[in-house]
């Protein structure tokens, strides 16, 4: 009975510590897929000639892509969202990109 009493808290501690594993750590981290998706979305945006990747930031959490930044037109804003949405694995896109109509 003493072994079970000791084993249960150790098991719970082990499970909780795996939940808090930092991104990029060893083993199966829940954010590994998010990191890969983030890289994929940025790569697709970078390949798009009309989008300036240095003005667009992407963060992925739980397969939801959050895109932020500044573009020249509403068309570019929508195109960045479409590119992110078309990335396999992304389940949702939150578009916080602003349009700067004063840029030349």
Foldseek 3Di string as FASTA:
>chain_A
DVVVVVVVVVVVVVVVVQQVDDPPDDDDHPCVVQVVLQVQLLVQQVPDPQHDSVFWHWGGDPLEIEIEGEDADPVNQVVSLVSSVPRPSRPYYHRHYYHDPPDD
